[in-house]
Amino acid sequence: MKYTHEQQEIAIEKACDVCQLGSHVFNPILKSDLNTWADRIMSRWYRKQMPVKQTFMYCNTLNVNFFFTEDGKAMFTYAGYCDSGCECDNLVNAFKIANEMIKEMQKAIEQLN
């Protein structure tokens, strides 16, 4: 593994601060701890107790997980839907925030070395 779980968690938290997302980080112990569709997509890269930032963006219809791959690449998975109570423009903004988040994660983890 290129970075320790502790380094990954610190980088995620720093990126959360910059992007104004809550900084609670989840560390799934078992694959069975992954319950949302974004979690299930993320399970492709699952490692025991890897740090993950889970967030619901805009109307609770877009679930996004931020994490690092084993080789240290910042990544996010997402799953969601748009219903009559959600404006699709908000989904575009959510992806802009997600893109900024992974850029900040990568920057933060590289500064830890």
Protein backbone atom coordinates (compact mmCIF):
# COMPACT_ATOMS: atom_id res chain seq x y z
CA MET A 1 0.00 0.00 0.00
CA LYS A 2 1.39 3.37 -1.01
CA TYR A 3 -0.04 5.34 1.96
CA THR A 4 -1.10 4.18 5.41
CA HIS A 5 -4.74 4.26 6.43
CA GLU A 6 -3.87 7.05 8.87
CA GLN A 7 -2.34 9.18 6.09
CA GLN A 8 -5.39 8.53 3.91
CA GLU A 9 -7.75 9.55 6.70
CA ILE A 10 -5.83 12.77 7.36
CA ALA A 11 -5.87 13.64 3.65
CA ILE A 12 -9.61 12.98 3.38
CA GLU A 13 -10.30 15.15 6.42
CA LYS A 14 -8.16 18.00 5.04
CA ALA A 15 -9.99 17.82 1.71
CA CYS A 16 -13.34 17.81 3.52
CA ASP A 17 -12.36 21.03 5.28
CA VAL A 18 -11.42 22.73 2.01
CA CYS A 19 -14.60 21.54 0.24
CA GLN A 20 -16.78 22.28 3.28
CA LEU A 21 -18.02 18.71 3.68
CA GLY A 22 -18.37 17.14 7.11
CA SER A 23 -15.16 15.37 8.02
CA HIS A 24 -16.57 12.17 9.55
CA VAL A 25 -14.62 9.26 8.06
CA PHE A 26 -15.98 5.69 8.04
CA ASN A 27 -13.66 2.68 8.31
CA PRO A 28 -15.57 -0.41 7.16
CA ILE A 29 -14.24 -3.54 8.83
CA LEU A 30 -16.09 -6.08 6.68
CA LYS A 31 -17.54 -5.98 3.19
CA SER A 32 -20.90 -6.55 4.86
CA ASP A 33 -20.52 -3.03 6.38
CA LEU A 34 -21.03 -1.62 2.87
CA ASN A 35 -24.76 -0.98 2.52
CA THR A 36 -25.47 1.76 -0.03
CA TRP A 37 -25.17 1.37 -3.80
CA ALA A 38 -22.12 3.68 -3.79
CA ASP A 39 -20.63 1.39 -1.11
CA ARG A 40 -21.28 -1.64 -3.28
CA ILE A 41 -19.55 -0.04 -6.25
CA MET A 42 -16.65 0.93 -3.98
CA SER A 43 -16.33 -2.70 -2.82
CA ARG A 44 -14.31 -3.34 -5.97
CA TRP A 45 -11.46 -1.46 -4.28
CA TYR A 46 -12.30 -2.52 -0.72
CA ARG A 47 -9.50 -3.06 1.81
CA LYS A 48 -10.17 -3.85 5.44
CA GLN A 49 -10.66 -0.67 7.50
CA MET A 50 -9.87 1.64 4.61
CA PRO A 51 -10.92 5.23 5.34
CA VAL A 52 -14.01 6.34 3.43
CA LYS A 53 -15.92 9.63 3.46
CA GLN A 54 -19.59 8.89 2.81
CA THR A 55 -21.88 11.75 1.91
CA PHE A 56 -25.38 12.32 0.60
CA MET A 57 -25.46 15.33 -1.70
CA TYR A 58 -28.53 17.33 -2.61
CA CYS A 59 -31.91 15.98 -1.54
CA ASN A 60 -30.36 12.72 -0.29
CA THR A 61 -30.59 11.39 -3.84
CA LEU A 62 -26.89 11.22 -4.64
CA ASN A 63 -24.71 9.03 -2.45
CA VAL A 64 -20.98 9.65 -2.89
CA ASN A 65 -18.01 7.83 -1.32
CA PHE A 66 -14.50 9.30 -1.34
CA PHE A 67 -11.49 7.06 -0.77
CA PHE A 68 -7.99 6.18 -1.97
CA THR A 69 -7.16 3.15 -4.06
CA GLU A 70 -4.40 0.84 -2.85
CA ASP A 71 -1.88 2.63 -5.06
CA GLY A 72 -2.79 6.04 -3.56
CA LYS A 73 -5.13 7.46 -6.19
CA ALA A 74 -8.02 9.63 -4.92
CA MET A 75 -11.32 8.30 -6.16
CA PHE A 76 -15.08 8.53 -5.66
CA THR A 77 -18.01 6.28 -6.37
CA TYR A 78 -21.59 7.46 -6.65
CA ALA A 79 -25.13 6.21 -6.98
CA GLY A 80 -28.37 8.08 -6.99
CA TYR A 81 -31.56 9.15 -8.63
CA CYS A 82 -33.45 12.32 -9.37
CA ASP A 83 -37.08 12.67 -8.34
CA SER A 84 -39.61 15.48 -8.64
CA GLY A 85 -38.33 17.03 -5.38
CA CYS A 86 -34.78 17.47 -6.63
CA GLU A 87 -33.46 19.94 -9.17
CA CYS A 88 -31.11 18.34 -11.67
CA ASP A 89 -28.87 21.43 -11.57
CA ASN A 90 -28.01 20.43 -8.01
CA LEU A 91 -26.68 17.10 -9.28
CA VAL A 92 -24.32 18.93 -11.64
CA ASN A 93 -23.09 21.00 -8.70
CA ALA A 94 -22.62 17.84 -6.65
CA PHE A 95 -20.29 16.40 -9.29
CA LYS A 96 -18.33 19.66 -9.37
CA ILE A 97 -17.84 19.39 -5.61
CA ALA A 98 -16.89 15.71 -5.94
CA ASN A 99 -14.30 16.56 -8.58
CA GLU A 100 -12.85 19.30 -6.38
CA MET A 101 -12.82 16.90 -3.43
CA ILE A 102 -10.69 14.26 -5.17
CA LYS A 103 -8.28 16.96 -6.38
CA GLU A 104 -7.92 18.22 -2.81
CA MET A 105 -7.52 14.67 -1.48
CA GLN A 106 -4.71 13.98 -3.93
CA LYS A 107 -3.01 17.27 -3.09
CA ALA A 108 -3.32 16.62 0.66
CA ILE A 109 -1.92 13.09 0.54
CA GLU A 110 1.04 14.13 -1.62
CA GLN A 111 1.88 16.85 0.90
CA LEU A 112 2.07 14.21 3.67
CA ASN A 113 5.09 12.56 2.03
